[in-house]
Amino acid sequence: MSEEKKEQTQNAQLDPSQWKAGPLAFFALVVAILFFSGVMVKFPDMKWLSAFDFTTLVGKFGVMKELGKSTFVGSGGFGARGGFMFALSLVPGVMFAMGMIEVLDHYGAIRAAQKCLTPLLKPLLGLPGLTGLALITDLQSTDAGAVLTKGLYDDGLITKKELIVMGAWQYSGAGMIANYFMIGSAVFSYLTCSIMIPVTLIFIFKFVGAMYVRLMLNTVYKGDFKNEQ
């Protein structure tokens, strides 16, 4: 009997539909959303909140003292060596994101996301709620979002079709918040509308693009996933 109960417990842990989430899990989910979404840096009167933001804590590389404009990656690099140096510059952010997700998952953030976000993501994109944190993370960091998505697929928590839909959502307007407010800020003074209108449209069309890809997978390419569970 004890072995049967143990096996049932293991199966329940692998089946997202049987996950249970308590108050601590929902608190961890709220912390994760605030931490990865970039909201904490949008309060000019309370700049101290940015100390709890993912991008702030990841930081940035310093510049070469003599050149004053290049990081350790340098400039003018190409080929395998140039690619290696660029990839190396992504390691801190990705490792930090993975570490934070592991901590938040320990307190039930993934389980809470499954409960809260499934009613929203399932009808629109056909995705389980547990993918929510990876999607939210992608709003700030493309690389961290991609790593979290790969982890879900490797753990068998999402199917190949769901992986493709997630990829479509993430690829469209990748790193939306970080890129828009850091790079797009150069043209904010020329906008004739609120700065929130363009970023809202970008966010909406991320869903439009992913829904279109989902439609194609369910019609034109339906046969490619007929054996998928």
Protein backbone atom coordinates (compact mmCIF):
# COMPACT_ATOMS: atom_id res chain seq x y z
CA MET A 1 0.00 0.00 0.00
CA SER A 2 2.79 2.39 0.87
CA GLU A 3 4.37 1.90 -2.56
CA GLU A 4 1.03 2.54 -4.27
CA LYS A 5 0.53 5.75 -2.29
CA LYS A 6 4.06 6.84 -3.12
CA GLU A 7 3.44 6.20 -6.82
CA GLN A 8 0.15 8.13 -6.69
CA THR A 9 1.92 11.05 -5.01
CA GLN A 10 4.61 11.08 -7.70
CA ASN A 11 1.99 10.98 -10.47
CA ALA A 12 0.11 13.86 -8.84
CA GLN A 13 3.29 15.92 -8.75
CA LEU A 14 3.79 15.36 -12.48
CA ASP A 15 0.16 16.14 -13.36
CA PRO A 16 -0.41 19.93 -13.28
CA SER A 17 -4.18 19.45 -13.04
CA GLN A 18 -3.71 17.87 -9.61
CA TRP A 19 -1.41 20.55 -8.21
CA LYS A 20 -2.55 22.32 -5.06
CA ALA A 21 -1.64 25.90 -4.16
CA GLY A 22 -1.92 27.51 -0.74
CA PRO A 23 -1.69 31.17 0.34
CA LEU A 24 2.12 31.07 0.33
CA ALA A 25 2.11 29.85 -3.28
CA PHE A 26 -0.06 32.75 -4.42
CA PHE A 27 2.14 35.20 -2.51
CA ALA A 28 5.19 33.73 -4.28
CA LEU A 29 3.39 34.16 -7.62
CA VAL A 30 2.70 37.84 -6.92
CA VAL A 31 6.35 38.35 -5.96
CA ALA A 32 7.45 36.62 -9.18
CA ILE A 33 5.18 38.77 -11.36
CA LEU A 34 6.35 42.01 -9.74
CA PHE A 35 9.99 40.90 -9.87
CA PHE A 36 10.10 39.86 -13.53
CA SER A 37 7.53 42.23 -15.09
CA GLY A 38 9.51 45.47 -14.66
CA VAL A 39 6.71 47.15 -12.72
CA MET A 40 9.00 47.95 -9.80
CA VAL A 41 10.98 50.52 -11.80
CA LYS A 42 7.93 52.49 -12.94
CA PHE A 43 7.45 54.50 -9.74
CA PRO A 44 9.53 57.72 -9.98
CA ASP A 45 8.54 58.79 -6.46
CA MET A 46 9.63 55.45 -4.99
CA LYS A 47 12.87 54.63 -6.79
CA TRP A 48 13.92 52.34 -3.95
CA LEU A 49 11.44 49.77 -5.29
CA SER A 50 13.74 49.24 -8.29
CA ALA A 51 16.08 47.40 -5.91
CA PHE A 52 13.61 44.51 -6.13
CA ASP A 53 13.51 44.42 -9.94
CA PHE A 54 15.10 41.69 -12.04
CA THR A 55 16.88 44.02 -14.48
CA THR A 56 18.25 46.19 -11.67
CA LEU A 57 19.64 43.22 -9.76
CA VAL A 58 21.18 41.67 -12.88
CA GLY A 59 23.05 44.96 -13.34
CA LYS A 60 25.36 45.70 -16.24
CA PHE A 61 28.98 45.27 -17.18
CA GLY A 62 31.39 48.13 -16.68
CA VAL A 63 33.27 49.74 -19.54
CA MET A 64 36.94 49.46 -20.36
CA LYS A 65 38.76 52.18 -18.48
CA GLU A 66 40.87 53.29 -21.41
CA LEU A 67 38.28 53.06 -24.15
CA GLY A 68 35.34 54.19 -22.05
CA LYS A 69 32.76 52.76 -24.41
CA SER A 70 33.24 49.01 -24.74
CA THR A 71 32.56 46.19 -22.28
CA PHE A 72 34.70 43.08 -21.99
CA VAL A 73 32.89 41.80 -25.11
CA GLY A 74 34.69 44.47 -27.12
CA SER A 75 33.71 45.70 -30.57
CA GLY A 76 34.37 44.44 -34.07
CA GLY A 77 34.33 40.79 -33.11
CA PHE A 78 32.88 38.19 -35.48
CA GLY A 79 32.66 34.46 -36.06
CA ALA A 80 32.73 31.82 -33.36
CA ARG A 81 34.86 33.92 -31.01
CA GLY A 82 32.59 36.94 -31.29
CA GLY A 83 29.56 34.71 -30.73
CA PHE A 84 31.17 33.09 -27.71
CA MET A 85 31.86 36.44 -26.04
CA PHE A 86 28.30 37.59 -26.70
CA ALA A 87 26.90 34.33 -25.29
CA LEU A 88 29.13 34.71 -22.24
CA SER A 89 27.59 38.13 -21.58
CA LEU A 90 24.15 36.50 -21.31
CA VAL A 91 25.15 34.00 -18.62
CA PRO A 92 24.65 36.20 -15.50
CA GLY A 93 21.08 37.19 -16.36
CA VAL A 94 20.04 33.67 -17.35
CA MET A 95 21.62 32.06 -14.28
CA PHE A 96 20.05 34.63 -11.98
CA ALA A 97 16.60 34.13 -13.53
CA MET A 98 16.85 30.35 -13.22
CA GLY A 99 17.95 30.62 -9.60
CA MET A 100 15.07 32.95 -8.71
CA ILE A 101 12.53 30.71 -10.43
CA GLU A 102 13.81 27.71 -8.46
CA VAL A 103 13.40 29.62 -5.19
CA LEU A 104 9.92 30.87 -6.12
CA ASP A 105 8.92 27.43 -7.37
CA HIS A 106 9.94 25.99 -4.00
CA TYR A 107 7.29 28.21 -2.41
CA GLY A 108 4.66 27.22 -4.99
CA ALA A 109 4.71 30.07 -7.52
CA ILE A 110 4.43 27.69 -10.49
CA ARG A 111 1.48 25.87 -8.88
CA ALA A 112 -0.27 29.18 -8.21
CA ALA A 113 0.36 30.29 -11.80
CA GLN A 114 -1.22 27.06 -13.03
CA LYS A 115 -4.36 27.78 -10.99
CA CYS A 116 -4.65 31.51 -11.76
CA LEU A 117 -3.49 31.82 -15.37
CA THR A 118 -4.97 28.68 -16.96
CA PRO A 119 -8.46 30.28 -17.32
CA LEU A 120 -6.82 33.15 -19.25
CA LEU A 121 -4.14 31.41 -21.30
CA LYS A 122 -6.02 28.21 -22.16
CA PRO A 123 -8.84 29.83 -24.18
CA LEU A 124 -6.58 32.37 -25.90
CA LEU A 125 -3.40 30.41 -26.59
CA GLY A 126 -4.17 26.85 -25.54
CA LEU A 127 -1.42 27.07 -22.91
CA PRO A 128 -1.52 25.87 -19.29
CA GLY A 129 -1.19 28.52 -16.60
CA LEU A 130 2.22 27.24 -15.50
CA THR A 131 3.69 28.85 -18.62
CA GLY A 132 2.72 32.28 -17.28
CA LEU A 133 5.98 32.96 -15.45
CA ALA A 134 8.05 32.19 -18.55
CA LEU A 135 5.88 34.56 -20.59
CA ILE A 136 6.08 37.29 -17.97
CA THR A 137 9.86 36.89 -17.73
CA ASP A 138 10.13 37.31 -21.51
CA LEU A 139 8.70 40.82 -21.18
CA GLN A 140 12.00 41.88 -19.62
CA SER A 141 14.55 39.28 -20.67
CA THR A 142 14.33 37.29 -23.89
CA ASP A 143 17.11 34.95 -22.84
CA ALA A 144 15.72 34.18 -19.39
CA GLY A 145 12.25 33.60 -20.83
CA ALA A 146 13.65 31.19 -23.42
CA VAL A 147 15.56 29.22 -20.79
CA LEU A 148 12.48 28.89 -18.57
CA THR A 149 10.42 27.76 -21.57
CA LYS A 150 13.00 25.12 -22.47
CA GLY A 151 12.94 23.92 -18.87
CA LEU A 152 9.16 23.42 -19.00
CA TYR A 153 9.48 21.41 -22.21
CA ASP A 154 12.40 19.32 -20.94
CA ASP A 155 10.42 18.49 -17.78
CA GLY A 156 7.48 17.31 -19.87
CA LEU A 157 5.14 20.01 -18.55
CA ILE A 158 4.30 21.37 -22.02
CA THR A 159 3.92 19.69 -25.40
CA LYS A 160 5.77 20.51 -28.59
CA LYS A 161 2.73 22.38 -29.94
CA GLU A 162 2.53 24.47 -26.78
CA LEU A 163 6.26 25.13 -27.05
CA ILE A 164 5.81 26.51 -30.57
CA VAL A 165 2.92 28.75 -29.50
CA MET A 166 4.97 30.04 -26.57
CA GLY A 167 7.87 30.69 -28.94
CA ALA A 168 5.60 32.70 -31.24
CA TRP A 169 4.34 34.81 -28.32
CA GLN A 170 7.86 35.44 -27.02
CA TYR A 171 9.53 36.11 -30.38
CA SER A 172 7.05 38.85 -31.28
CA GLY A 173 8.13 41.96 -29.39
CA ALA A 174 10.71 40.03 -27.36
CA GLY A 175 11.92 41.81 -24.24
CA MET A 176 9.09 44.27 -24.79
CA ILE A 177 9.32 46.32 -21.60
CA ALA A 178 13.10 46.53 -21.44
CA ASN A 179 13.54 47.38 -25.13
CA TYR A 180 10.65 49.82 -25.33
CA PHE A 181 11.54 51.94 -22.33
CA MET A 182 15.33 51.75 -22.79
CA ILE A 183 15.70 52.05 -26.57
CA GLY A 184 12.36 53.56 -27.52
CA SER A 185 12.74 56.35 -24.96
CA ALA A 186 14.91 58.20 -27.52
CA VAL A 187 11.80 59.03 -29.57
CA PHE A 188 9.29 59.52 -26.76
CA SER A 189 9.47 63.31 -27.19
CA TYR A 190 8.28 62.96 -30.80
CA LEU A 191 5.20 60.87 -30.00
CA THR A 192 1.84 62.58 -30.48
CA CYS A 193 0.05 60.05 -28.26
CA SER A 194 0.54 58.58 -24.82
CA ILE A 195 3.70 56.48 -24.53
CA MET A 196 1.54 53.64 -23.19
CA ILE A 197 -0.44 53.28 -26.44
CA PRO A 198 2.42 51.80 -28.55
CA VAL A 199 3.54 49.39 -25.83
CA THR A 200 -0.07 48.30 -25.28
CA LEU A 201 -0.45 47.59 -29.01
CA ILE A 202 2.78 45.59 -28.98
CA PHE A 203 1.45 43.53 -26.07
CA ILE A 204 -1.89 42.91 -27.80
CA PHE A 205 -0.26 41.83 -31.05
CA LYS A 206 1.93 39.35 -29.18
CA PHE A 207 -1.33 37.52 -28.46
CA VAL A 208 -2.61 38.03 -32.01
CA GLY A 209 0.55 36.49 -33.47
CA ALA A 210 0.51 33.54 -31.08
CA MET A 211 -3.19 32.92 -31.75
CA TYR A 212 -2.51 32.91 -35.49
CA VAL A 213 0.30 30.38 -35.04
CA ARG A 214 -1.99 28.25 -32.88
CA LEU A 215 -4.64 28.36 -35.62
CA MET A 216 -2.10 27.21 -38.22
CA LEU A 217 -0.96 24.35 -35.99
CA ASN A 218 -4.55 23.23 -35.45
CA THR A 219 -5.43 23.36 -39.16
CA VAL A 220 -2.67 23.37 -41.78
CA TYR A 221 -0.13 21.49 -39.64
CA LYS A 222 -2.59 19.46 -37.59
CA GLY A 223 -1.21 16.18 -38.89
CA ASP A 224 2.24 16.90 -37.46
CA PHE A 225 0.87 16.68 -33.92
CA LYS A 226 -1.68 13.88 -34.22
CA ASN A 227 0.41 11.51 -32.08
CA GLU A 228 1.21 14.11 -29.44
CA GLN A 229 -0.29 13.65 -25.99
